[in-house]
Amino acid sequence: AEAASPQGADARVLGVIRLSDVVKPGMRERFAELRAMGIRTVM
């Protein structure tokens, strides 16, 4: 977004940037192992 001042006066949203990330392979299986060990996982 852009505005007339640092406080956001007369602000105008211009758009959105898409950032893409990738989950590492095998993570679901690893967390299933932790669950079997009685460990709760929190992201």
ModelCIF file with pLDDT and N, C-alpha, C, O atoms, coordinates in Angstrom:
data_MODEL
#
_entry.id   MODEL 
#
_entity.id                         1 
_entity.type                       polymer 
_entity.pdbx_number_of_molecules   1 
#
_entity_poly.entity_id                      1 
_entity_poly.type                           'polypeptide(L)' 
_entity_poly.nstd_linkage                   no 
_entity_poly.nstd_monomer                   no 
_entity_poly.pdbx_seq_one_letter_code       AEAASPQGADARVLGVIRLSDVVKPGMRERFAELRAMGIRTVM 
_entity_poly.pdbx_seq_one_letter_code_can   AEAASPQGADARVLGVIRLSDVVKPGMRERFAELRAMGIRTVM 
_entity_poly.pdbx_strand_id                 A 
#
loop_
_entity_poly_seq.entity_id 
_entity_poly_seq.num 
_entity_poly_seq.mon_id 
_entity_poly_seq.hetero 
1 1  ALA n 
1 2  GLU n 
1 3  ALA n 
1 4  ALA n 
1 5  SER n 
1 6  PRO n 
1 7  GLN n 
1 8  GLY n 
1 9  ALA n 
1 10 ASP n 
1 11 ALA n 
1 12 ARG n 
1 13 VAL n 
1 14 LEU n 
1 15 GLY n 
1 16 VAL n 
1 17 ILE n 
1 18 ARG n 
1 19 LEU n 
1 20 SER n 
1 21 ASP n 
1 22 VAL n 
1 23 VAL n 
1 24 LYS n 
1 25 PRO n 
1 26 GLY n 
1 27 MET n 
1 28 ARG n 
1 29 GLU n 
1 30 ARG n 
1 31 PHE n 
1 32 ALA n 
1 33 GLU n 
1 34 LEU n 
1 35 ARG n 
1 36 ALA n 
1 37 MET n 
1 38 GLY n 
1 39 ILE n 
1 40 ARG n 
1 41 THR n 
1 42 VAL n 
1 43 MET n 
#
_struct_asym.id          A 
_struct_asym.entity_id   1 
#
loop_
_ma_qa_metric.id 
_ma_qa_metric.mode 
_ma_qa_metric.name 
_ma_qa_metric.software_group_id 
_ma_qa_metric.type 
1 global pLDDT . pLDDT 
2 local  pLDDT . pLDDT 
#
_ma_qa_metric_global.metric_id      1 
_ma_qa_metric_global.metric_value   84.72 
_ma_qa_metric_global.model_id       1 
_ma_qa_metric_global.ordinal_id     1 
#
loop_
_ma_qa_metric_local.label_asym_id 
_ma_qa_metric_local.label_comp_id 
_ma_qa_metric_local.label_seq_id 
_ma_qa_metric_local.metric_id 
_ma_qa_metric_local.metric_value 
_ma_qa_metric_local.model_id 
_ma_qa_metric_local.ordinal_id 
A ALA 1  2 92.00 1 1  
A GLU 2  2 90.00 1 2  
A ALA 3  2 89.00 1 3  
A ALA 4  2 85.00 1 4  
A SER 5  2 85.00 1 5  
A PRO 6  2 85.00 1 6  
A GLN 7  2 83.00 1 7  
A GLY 8  2 79.00 1 8  
A ALA 9  2 81.00 1 9  
A ASP 10 2 83.00 1 10 
A ALA 11 2 87.00 1 11 
A ARG 12 2 89.00 1 12 
A VAL 13 2 91.00 1 13 
A LEU 14 2 93.00 1 14 
A GLY 15 2 93.00 1 15 
A VAL 16 2 94.00 1 16 
A ILE 17 2 93.00 1 17 
A ARG 18 2 90.00 1 18 
A LEU 19 2 87.00 1 19 
A SER 20 2 80.00 1 20 
A ASP 21 2 76.00 1 21 
A VAL 22 2 73.00 1 22 
A VAL 23 2 80.00 1 23 
A LYS 24 2 80.00 1 24 
A PRO 25 2 79.00 1 25 
A GLY 26 2 81.00 1 26 
A MET 27 2 83.00 1 27 
A ARG 28 2 86.00 1 28 
A GLU 29 2 85.00 1 29 
A ARG 30 2 80.00 1 30 
A PHE 31 2 85.00 1 31 
A ALA 32 2 84.00 1 32 
A GLU 33 2 78.00 1 33 
A LEU 34 2 80.00 1 34 
A ARG 35 2 84.00 1 35 
A ALA 36 2 79.00 1 36 
A MET 37 2 76.00 1 37 
A GLY 38 2 81.00 1 38 
A ILE 39 2 85.00 1 39 
A ARG 40 2 89.00 1 40 
A THR 41 2 90.00 1 41 
A VAL 42 2 91.00 1 42 
A MET 43 2 89.00 1 43 
#
loop_
_atom_site.group_PDB 
_atom_site.id 
_atom_site.type_symbol 
_atom_site.label_atom_id 
_atom_site.label_alt_id 
_atom_site.label_comp_id 
_atom_site.label_asym_id 
_atom_site.label_entity_id 
_atom_site.label_seq_id 
_atom_site.pdbx_PDB_ins_code 
_atom_site.Cartn_x 
_atom_site.Cartn_y 
_atom_site.Cartn_z 
_atom_site.occupancy 
_atom_site.B_iso_or_equiv 
_atom_site.pdbx_formal_charge 
_atom_site.auth_seq_id 
_atom_site.auth_comp_id 
_atom_site.auth_asym_id 
_atom_site.auth_atom_id 
_atom_site.pdbx_PDB_model_num 
ATOM 1   N N  . ALA A 1 1  ? 0.849  -1.195  0.000  1.00 92.00 ? 1  ALA A N  1 
ATOM 2   C CA . ALA A 1 1  ? 0.000  0.000   0.000  1.00 92.00 ? 1  ALA A CA 1 
ATOM 3   C C  . ALA A 1 1  ? 0.881  1.241   0.000  1.00 92.00 ? 1  ALA A C  1 
ATOM 4   O O  . ALA A 1 1  ? 2.045  1.202   0.401  1.00 92.00 ? 1  ALA A O  1 
ATOM 5   N N  . GLU A 1 2  ? 0.295  2.342   -0.460 1.00 90.00 ? 2  GLU A N  1 
ATOM 6   C CA . GLU A 1 2  ? 0.996  3.627   -0.408 1.00 90.00 ? 2  GLU A CA 1 
ATOM 7   C C  . GLU A 1 2  ? 0.082  4.650   0.232  1.00 90.00 ? 2  GLU A C  1 
ATOM 8   O O  . GLU A 1 2  ? -1.141 4.528   0.177  1.00 90.00 ? 2  GLU A O  1 
ATOM 9   N N  . ALA A 1 3  ? 0.693  5.674   0.846  1.00 89.00 ? 3  ALA A N  1 
ATOM 10  C CA . ALA A 1 3  ? -0.084 6.703   1.530  1.00 89.00 ? 3  ALA A CA 1 
ATOM 11  C C  . ALA A 1 3  ? 0.655  8.020   1.418  1.00 89.00 ? 3  ALA A C  1 
ATOM 12  O O  . ALA A 1 3  ? 1.819  8.077   1.021  1.00 89.00 ? 3  ALA A O  1 
ATOM 13  N N  . ALA A 1 4  ? -0.060 9.087   1.781  1.00 85.00 ? 4  ALA A N  1 
ATOM 14  C CA . ALA A 1 4  ? 0.528  10.422  1.682  1.00 85.00 ? 4  ALA A CA 1 
ATOM 15  C C  . ALA A 1 4  ? 1.489  10.716  2.822  1.00 85.00 ? 4  ALA A C  1 
ATOM 16  O O  . ALA A 1 4  ? 2.265  11.669  2.748  1.00 85.00 ? 4  ALA A O  1 
ATOM 17  N N  . SER A 1 5  ? 1.444  9.906   3.878  1.00 85.00 ? 5  SER A N  1 
ATOM 18  C CA . SER A 1 5  ? 2.325  10.153  5.026  1.00 85.00 ? 5  SER A CA 1 
ATOM 19  C C  . SER A 1 5  ? 2.646  8.837   5.703  1.00 85.00 ? 5  SER A C  1 
ATOM 20  O O  . SER A 1 5  ? 1.961  7.841   5.473  1.00 85.00 ? 5  SER A O  1 
ATOM 21  N N  . PRO A 1 6  ? 3.691  8.815   6.547  1.00 85.00 ? 6  PRO A N  1 
ATOM 22  C CA . PRO A 1 6  ? 4.038  7.579   7.269  1.00 85.00 ? 6  PRO A CA 1 
ATOM 23  C C  . PRO A 1 6  ? 2.933  7.083   8.183  1.00 85.00 ? 6  PRO A C  1 
ATOM 24  O O  . PRO A 1 6  ? 2.946  5.920   8.586  1.00 85.00 ? 6  PRO A O  1 
ATOM 25  N N  . GLN A 1 7  ? 1.969  7.945   8.523  1.00 83.00 ? 7  GLN A N  1 
ATOM 26  C CA . GLN A 1 7  ? 0.878  7.526   9.403  1.00 83.00 ? 7  GLN A CA 1 
ATOM 27  C C  . GLN A 1 7  ? -0.247 6.842   8.643  1.00 83.00 ? 7  GLN A C  1 
ATOM 28  O O  . GLN A 1 7  ? -1.214 6.378   9.248  1.00 83.00 ? 7  GLN A O  1 
ATOM 29  N N  . GLY A 1 8  ? -0.130 6.775   7.316  1.00 79.00 ? 8  GLY A N  1 
ATOM 30  C CA . GLY A 1 8  ? -1.138 6.074   6.519  1.00 79.00 ? 8  GLY A CA 1 
ATOM 31  C C  . GLY A 1 8  ? -2.261 6.952   6.021  1.00 79.00 ? 8  GLY A C  1 
ATOM 32  O O  . GLY A 1 8  ? -3.314 6.433   5.650  1.00 79.00 ? 8  GLY A O  1 
ATOM 33  N N  . ALA A 1 9  ? -2.079 8.282   5.998  1.00 81.00 ? 9  ALA A N  1 
ATOM 34  C CA . ALA A 1 9  ? -3.131 9.187   5.530  1.00 81.00 ? 9  ALA A CA 1 
ATOM 35  C C  . ALA A 1 9  ? -3.375 8.985   4.042  1.00 81.00 ? 9  ALA A C  1 
ATOM 36  O O  . ALA A 1 9  ? -2.437 8.838   3.258  1.00 81.00 ? 9  ALA A O  1 
ATOM 37  N N  . ASP A 1 10 ? -4.656 8.980   3.665  1.00 83.00 ? 10 ASP A N  1 
ATOM 38  C CA . ASP A 1 10 ? -5.047 8.813   2.258  1.00 83.00 ? 10 ASP A CA 1 
ATOM 39  C C  . ASP A 1 10 ? -4.409 7.561   1.648  1.00 83.00 ? 10 ASP A C  1 
ATOM 40  O O  . ASP A 1 10 ? -3.925 7.583   0.516  1.00 83.00 ? 10 ASP A O  1 
ATOM 41  N N  . ALA A 1 11 ? -4.418 6.489   2.408  1.00 87.00 ? 11 ALA A N  1 
ATOM 42  C CA . ALA A 1 11 ? -3.757 5.263   1.959  1.00 87.00 ? 11 ALA A CA 1 
ATOM 43  C C  . ALA A 1 11 ? -4.518 4.614   0.812  1.00 87.00 ? 11 ALA A C  1 
ATOM 44  O O  . ALA A 1 11 ? -5.736 4.744   0.688  1.00 87.00 ? 11 ALA A O  1 
ATOM 45  N N  . ARG A 1 12 ? -3.763 3.917   -0.017 1.00 89.00 ? 12 ARG A N  1 
ATOM 46  C CA . ARG A 1 12 ? -4.323 3.206   -1.165 1.00 89.00 ? 12 ARG A CA 1 
ATOM 47  C C  . ARG A 1 12 ? -3.610 1.869   -1.295 1.00 89.00 ? 12 ARG A C  1 
ATOM 48  O O  . ARG A 1 12 ? -2.386 1.818   -1.418 1.00 89.00 ? 12 ARG A O  1 
ATOM 49  N N  . VAL A 1 13 ? -4.385 0.783   -1.268 1.00 91.00 ? 13 VAL A N  1 
ATOM 50  C CA . VAL A 1 13 ? -3.809 -0.549  -1.420 1.00 91.00 ? 13 VAL A CA 1 
ATOM 51  C C  . VAL A 1 13 ? -3.594 -0.814  -2.906 1.00 91.00 ? 13 VAL A C  1 
ATOM 52  O O  . VAL A 1 13 ? -4.512 -0.663  -3.712 1.00 91.00 ? 13 VAL A O  1 
ATOM 53  N N  . LEU A 1 14 ? -2.367 -1.213  -3.261 1.00 93.00 ? 14 LEU A N  1 
ATOM 54  C CA . LEU A 1 14 ? -2.007 -1.431  -4.656 1.00 93.00 ? 14 LEU A CA 1 
ATOM 55  C C  . LEU A 1 14 ? -2.123 -2.896  -5.082 1.00 93.00 ? 14 LEU A C  1 
ATOM 56  O O  . LEU A 1 14 ? -2.398 -3.184  -6.247 1.00 93.00 ? 14 LEU A O  1 
ATOM 57  N N  . GLY A 1 15 ? -1.915 -3.820  -4.140 1.00 93.00 ? 15 GLY A N  1 
ATOM 58  C CA . GLY A 1 15 ? -2.011 -5.219  -4.513 1.00 93.00 ? 15 GLY A CA 1 
ATOM 59  C C  . GLY A 1 15 ? -1.365 -6.144  -3.501 1.00 93.00 ? 15 GLY A C  1 
ATOM 60  O O  . GLY A 1 15 ? -1.054 -5.756  -2.374 1.00 93.00 ? 15 GLY A O  1 
ATOM 61  N N  . VAL A 1 16 ? -1.173 -7.387  -3.941 1.00 94.00 ? 16 VAL A N  1 
ATOM 62  C CA . VAL A 1 16 ? -0.674 -8.433  -3.051 1.00 94.00 ? 16 VAL A CA 1 
ATOM 63  C C  . VAL A 1 16 ? 0.486  -9.155  -3.733 1.00 94.00 ? 16 VAL A C  1 
ATOM 64  O O  . VAL A 1 16 ? 0.448  -9.427  -4.933 1.00 94.00 ? 16 VAL A O  1 
ATOM 65  N N  . ILE A 1 17 ? 1.515  -9.457  -2.945 1.00 93.00 ? 17 ILE A N  1 
ATOM 66  C CA . ILE A 1 17 ? 2.647  -10.252 -3.415 1.00 93.00 ? 17 ILE A CA 1 
ATOM 67  C C  . ILE A 1 17 ? 2.454  -11.680 -2.914 1.00 93.00 ? 17 ILE A C  1 
ATOM 68  O O  . ILE A 1 17 ? 2.206  -11.898 -1.728 1.00 93.00 ? 17 ILE A O  1 
ATOM 69  N N  . ARG A 1 18 ? 2.568  -12.641 -3.809 1.00 90.00 ? 18 ARG A N  1 
ATOM 70  C CA . ARG A 1 18 ? 2.463  -14.045 -3.408 1.00 90.00 ? 18 ARG A CA 1 
ATOM 71  C C  . ARG A 1 18 ? 3.864  -14.590 -3.132 1.00 90.00 ? 18 ARG A C  1 
ATOM 72  O O  . ARG A 1 18 ? 4.726  -14.584 -4.011 1.00 90.00 ? 18 ARG A O  1 
ATOM 73  N N  . LEU A 1 19 ? 4.080  -15.061 -1.900 1.00 87.00 ? 19 LEU A N  1 
ATOM 74  C CA . LEU A 1 19 ? 5.308  -15.765 -1.543 1.00 87.00 ? 19 LEU A CA 1 
ATOM 75  C C  . LEU A 1 19 ? 4.980  -17.251 -1.432 1.00 87.00 ? 19 LEU A C  1 
ATOM 76  O O  . LEU A 1 19 ? 4.012  -17.634 -0.776 1.00 87.00 ? 19 LEU A O  1 
ATOM 77  N N  . SER A 1 20 ? 5.779  -18.068 -2.069 1.00 80.00 ? 20 SER A N  1 
ATOM 78  C CA . SER A 1 20 ? 5.524  -19.513 -2.057 1.00 80.00 ? 20 SER A CA 1 
ATOM 79  C C  . SER A 1 20 ? 6.562  -20.223 -1.199 1.00 80.00 ? 20 SER A C  1 
ATOM 80  O O  . SER A 1 20 ? 7.758  -19.948 -1.288 1.00 80.00 ? 20 SER A O  1 
ATOM 81  N N  . ASP A 1 21 ? 6.088  -21.129 -0.379 1.00 76.00 ? 21 ASP A N  1 
ATOM 82  C CA . ASP A 1 21 ? 6.959  -21.939 0.475  1.00 76.00 ? 21 ASP A CA 1 
ATOM 83  C C  . ASP A 1 21 ? 6.605  -23.404 0.248  1.00 76.00 ? 21 ASP A C  1 
ATOM 84  O O  . ASP A 1 21 ? 5.529  -23.712 -0.264 1.00 76.00 ? 21 ASP A O  1 
ATOM 85  N N  . VAL A 1 22 ? 7.504  -24.306 0.625  1.00 73.00 ? 22 VAL A N  1 
ATOM 86  C CA . VAL A 1 22 ? 7.312  -25.730 0.361  1.00 73.00 ? 22 VAL A CA 1 
ATOM 87  C C  . VAL A 1 22 ? 7.559  -26.527 1.630  1.00 73.00 ? 22 VAL A C  1 
ATOM 88  O O  . VAL A 1 22 ? 8.595  -26.362 2.275  1.00 73.00 ? 22 VAL A O  1 
ATOM 89  N N  . VAL A 1 23 ? 6.609  -27.396 1.996  1.00 80.00 ? 23 VAL A N  1 
ATOM 90  C CA . VAL A 1 23 ? 6.774  -28.291 3.141  1.00 80.00 ? 23 VAL A CA 1 
ATOM 91  C C  . VAL A 1 23 ? 7.793  -29.365 2.782  1.00 80.00 ? 23 VAL A C  1 
ATOM 92  O O  . VAL A 1 23 ? 7.756  -29.922 1.685  1.00 80.00 ? 23 VAL A O  1 
ATOM 93  N N  . LYS A 1 24 ? 8.687  -29.649 3.696  1.00 80.00 ? 24 LYS A N  1 
ATOM 94  C CA . LYS A 1 24 ? 9.721  -30.654 3.442  1.00 80.00 ? 24 LYS A CA 1 
ATOM 95  C C  . LYS A 1 24 ? 9.101  -32.043 3.304  1.00 80.00 ? 24 LYS A C  1 
ATOM 96  O O  . LYS A 1 24 ? 8.164  -32.376 4.029  1.00 80.00 ? 24 LYS A O  1 
ATOM 97  N N  . PRO A 1 25 ? 9.607  -32.843 2.393  1.00 79.00 ? 25 PRO A N  1 
ATOM 98  C CA . PRO A 1 25 ? 9.072  -34.206 2.224  1.00 79.00 ? 25 PRO A CA 1 
ATOM 99  C C  . PRO A 1 25 ? 9.240  -35.032 3.497  1.00 79.00 ? 25 PRO A C  1 
ATOM 100 O O  . PRO A 1 25 ? 10.227 -34.890 4.218  1.00 79.00 ? 25 PRO A O  1 
ATOM 101 N N  . GLY A 1 26 ? 8.273  -35.885 3.756  1.00 81.00 ? 26 GLY A N  1 
ATOM 102 C CA . GLY A 1 26 ? 8.363  -36.811 4.890  1.00 81.00 ? 26 GLY A CA 1 
ATOM 103 C C  . GLY A 1 26 ? 7.963  -36.229 6.224  1.00 81.00 ? 26 GLY A C  1 
ATOM 104 O O  . GLY A 1 26 ? 8.030  -36.921 7.240  1.00 81.00 ? 26 GLY A O  1 
ATOM 105 N N  . MET A 1 27 ? 7.541  -34.954 6.252  1.00 83.00 ? 27 MET A N  1 
ATOM 106 C CA . MET A 1 27 ? 7.217  -34.339 7.537  1.00 83.00 ? 27 MET A CA 1 
ATOM 107 C C  . MET A 1 27 ? 6.009  -35.000 8.201  1.00 83.00 ? 27 MET A C  1 
ATOM 108 O O  . MET A 1 27 ? 6.002  -35.204 9.415  1.00 83.00 ? 27 MET A O  1 
ATOM 109 N N  . ARG A 1 28 ? 4.991  -35.335 7.412  1.00 86.00 ? 28 ARG A N  1 
ATOM 110 C CA . ARG A 1 28 ? 3.792  -35.952 7.993  1.00 86.00 ? 28 ARG A CA 1 
ATOM 111 C C  . ARG A 1 28 ? 4.152  -37.267 8.689  1.00 86.00 ? 28 ARG A C  1 
ATOM 112 O O  . ARG A 1 28 ? 3.649  -37.552 9.776  1.00 86.00 ? 28 ARG A O  1 
ATOM 113 N N  . GLU A 1 29 ? 5.019  -38.066 8.066  1.00 85.00 ? 29 GLU A N  1 
ATOM 114 C CA . GLU A 1 29 ? 5.425  -39.333 8.672  1.00 85.00 ? 29 GLU A CA 1 
ATOM 115 C C  . GLU A 1 29 ? 6.225  -39.095 9.950  1.00 85.00 ? 29 GLU A C  1 
ATOM 116 O O  . GLU A 1 29 ? 6.069  -39.824 10.929 1.00 85.00 ? 29 GLU A O  1 
ATOM 117 N N  . ARG A 1 30 ? 7.083  -38.072 9.937  1.00 80.00 ? 30 ARG A N  1 
ATOM 118 C CA . ARG A 1 30 ? 7.871  -37.780 11.133 1.00 80.00 ? 30 ARG A CA 1 
ATOM 119 C C  . ARG A 1 30 ? 6.968  -37.387 12.305 1.00 80.00 ? 30 ARG A C  1 
ATOM 120 O O  . ARG A 1 30 ? 7.169  -37.835 13.434 1.00 80.00 ? 30 ARG A O  1 
ATOM 121 N N  . PHE A 1 31 ? 5.978  -36.550 12.024 1.00 85.00 ? 31 PHE A N  1 
ATOM 122 C CA . PHE A 1 31 ? 5.086  -36.115 13.094 1.00 85.00 ? 31 PHE A CA 1 
ATOM 123 C C  . PHE A 1 31 ? 4.202  -37.254 13.587 1.00 85.00 ? 31 PHE A C  1 
ATOM 124 O O  . PHE A 1 31 ? 3.812  -37.274 14.754 1.00 85.00 ? 31 PHE A O  1 
ATOM 125 N N  . ALA A 1 32 ? 3.887  -38.192 12.716 1.00 84.00 ? 32 ALA A N  1 
ATOM 126 C CA . ALA A 1 32 ? 3.136  -39.375 13.152 1.00 84.00 ? 32 ALA A CA 1 
ATOM 127 C C  . ALA A 1 32 ? 3.972  -40.184 14.137 1.00 84.00 ? 32 ALA A C  1 
ATOM 128 O O  . ALA A 1 32 ? 3.436  -40.738 15.098 1.00 84.00 ? 32 ALA A O  1 
ATOM 129 N N  . GLU A 1 33 ? 5.294  -40.257 13.903 1.00 78.00 ? 33 GLU A N  1 
ATOM 130 C CA . GLU A 1 33 ? 6.177  -40.954 14.838 1.00 78.00 ? 33 GLU A CA 1 
ATOM 131 C C  . GLU A 1 33 ? 6.174  -40.266 16.199 1.00 78.00 ? 33 GLU A C  1 
ATOM 132 O O  . GLU A 1 33 ? 6.105  -40.925 17.237 1.00 78.00 ? 33 GLU A O  1 
ATOM 133 N N  . LEU A 1 34 ? 6.250  -38.938 16.188 1.00 80.00 ? 34 LEU A N  1 
ATOM 134 C CA . LEU A 1 34 ? 6.227  -38.194 17.449 1.00 80.00 ? 34 LEU A CA 1 
ATOM 135 C C  . LEU A 1 34 ? 4.913  -38.419 18.190 1.00 80.00 ? 34 LEU A C  1 
ATOM 136 O O  . LEU A 1 34 ? 4.895  -38.564 19.413 1.00 80.00 ? 34 LEU A O  1 
ATOM 137 N N  . ARG A 1 35 ? 3.821  -38.448 17.442 1.00 84.00 ? 35 ARG A N  1 
ATOM 138 C CA . ARG A 1 35 ? 2.516  -38.673 18.068 1.00 84.00 ? 35 ARG A CA 1 
ATOM 139 C C  . ARG A 1 35 ? 2.470  -40.046 18.722 1.00 84.00 ? 35 ARG A C  1 
ATOM 140 O O  . ARG A 1 35 ? 1.897  -40.207 19.799 1.00 84.00 ? 35 ARG A O  1 
ATOM 141 N N  . ALA A 1 36 ? 3.076  -41.039 18.068 1.00 79.00 ? 36 ALA A N  1 
ATOM 142 C CA . ALA A 1 36 ? 3.119  -42.384 18.636 1.00 79.00 ? 36 ALA A CA 1 
ATOM 143 C C  . ALA A 1 36 ? 3.956  -42.423 19.906 1.00 79.00 ? 36 ALA A C  1 
ATOM 144 O O  . ALA A 1 36 ? 3.758  -43.296 20.751 1.00 79.00 ? 36 ALA A O  1 
ATOM 145 N N  . MET A 1 37 ? 4.893  -41.485 20.050 1.00 76.00 ? 37 MET A N  1 
ATOM 146 C CA . MET A 1 37 ? 5.723  -41.416 21.244 1.00 76.00 ? 37 MET A CA 1 
ATOM 147 C C  . MET A 1 37 ? 5.063  -40.583 22.344 1.00 76.00 ? 37 MET A C  1 
ATOM 148 O O  . MET A 1 37 ? 5.654  -40.362 23.401 1.00 76.00 ? 37 MET A O  1 
ATOM 149 N N  . GLY A 1 38 ? 3.814  -40.116 22.086 1.00 81.00 ? 38 GLY A N  1 
ATOM 150 C CA . GLY A 1 38 ? 3.096  -39.346 23.095 1.00 81.00 ? 38 GLY A CA 1 
ATOM 151 C C  . GLY A 1 38 ? 3.484  -37.884 23.140 1.00 81.00 ? 38 GLY A C  1 
ATOM 152 O O  . GLY A 1 38 ? 3.290  -37.220 24.158 1.00 81.00 ? 38 GLY A O  1 
ATOM 153 N N  . ILE A 1 39 ? 4.031  -37.373 22.047 1.00 85.00 ? 39 ILE A N  1 
ATOM 154 C CA . ILE A 1 39 ? 4.490  -35.985 22.013 1.00 85.00 ? 39 ILE A CA 1 
ATOM 155 C C  . ILE A 1 39 ? 3.552  -35.168 21.135 1.00 85.00 ? 39 ILE A C  1 
ATOM 156 O O  . ILE A 1 39 ? 3.263  -35.543 19.998 1.00 85.00 ? 39 ILE A O  1 
ATOM 157 N N  . ARG A 1 40 ? 3.080  -34.048 21.672 1.00 89.00 ? 40 ARG A N  1 
ATOM 158 C CA . ARG A 1 40 ? 2.203  -33.143 20.920 1.00 89.00 ? 40 ARG A CA 1 
ATOM 159 C C  . ARG A 1 40 ? 3.055  -32.138 20.159 1.00 89.00 ? 40 ARG A C  1 
ATOM 160 O O  . ARG A 1 40 ? 3.967  -31.537 20.727 1.00 89.00 ? 40 ARG A O  1 
ATOM 161 N N  . THR A 1 41 ? 2.761  -31.956 18.883 1.00 90.00 ? 41 THR A N  1 
ATOM 162 C CA . THR A 1 41 ? 3.533  -31.029 18.058 1.00 90.00 ? 41 THR A CA 1 
ATOM 163 C C  . THR A 1 41 ? 2.725  -29.764 17.787 1.00 90.00 ? 41 THR A C  1 
ATOM 164 O O  . THR A 1 41 ? 1.535  -29.824 17.478 1.00 90.00 ? 41 THR A O  1 
ATOM 165 N N  . VAL A 1 42 ? 3.395  -28.618 17.908 1.00 91.00 ? 42 VAL A N  1 
ATOM 166 C CA . VAL A 1 42 ? 2.760  -27.319 17.678 1.00 91.00 ? 42 VAL A CA 1 
ATOM 167 C C  . VAL A 1 42 ? 3.642  -26.521 16.726 1.00 91.00 ? 42 VAL A C  1 
ATOM 168 O O  . VAL A 1 42 ? 4.813  -26.282 17.019 1.00 91.00 ? 42 VAL A O  1 
ATOM 169 N N  . MET A 1 43 ? 3.089  -26.110 15.593 1.00 89.00 ? 43 MET A N  1 
ATOM 170 C CA . MET A 1 43 ? 3.815  -25.263 14.655 1.00 89.00 ? 43 MET A CA 1 
ATOM 171 C C  . MET A 1 43 ? 3.588  -23.802 15.020 1.00 89.00 ? 43 MET A C  1 
ATOM 172 O O  . MET A 1 43 ? 4.113  -22.910 14.353 1.00 89.00 ? 43 MET A O  1 
#
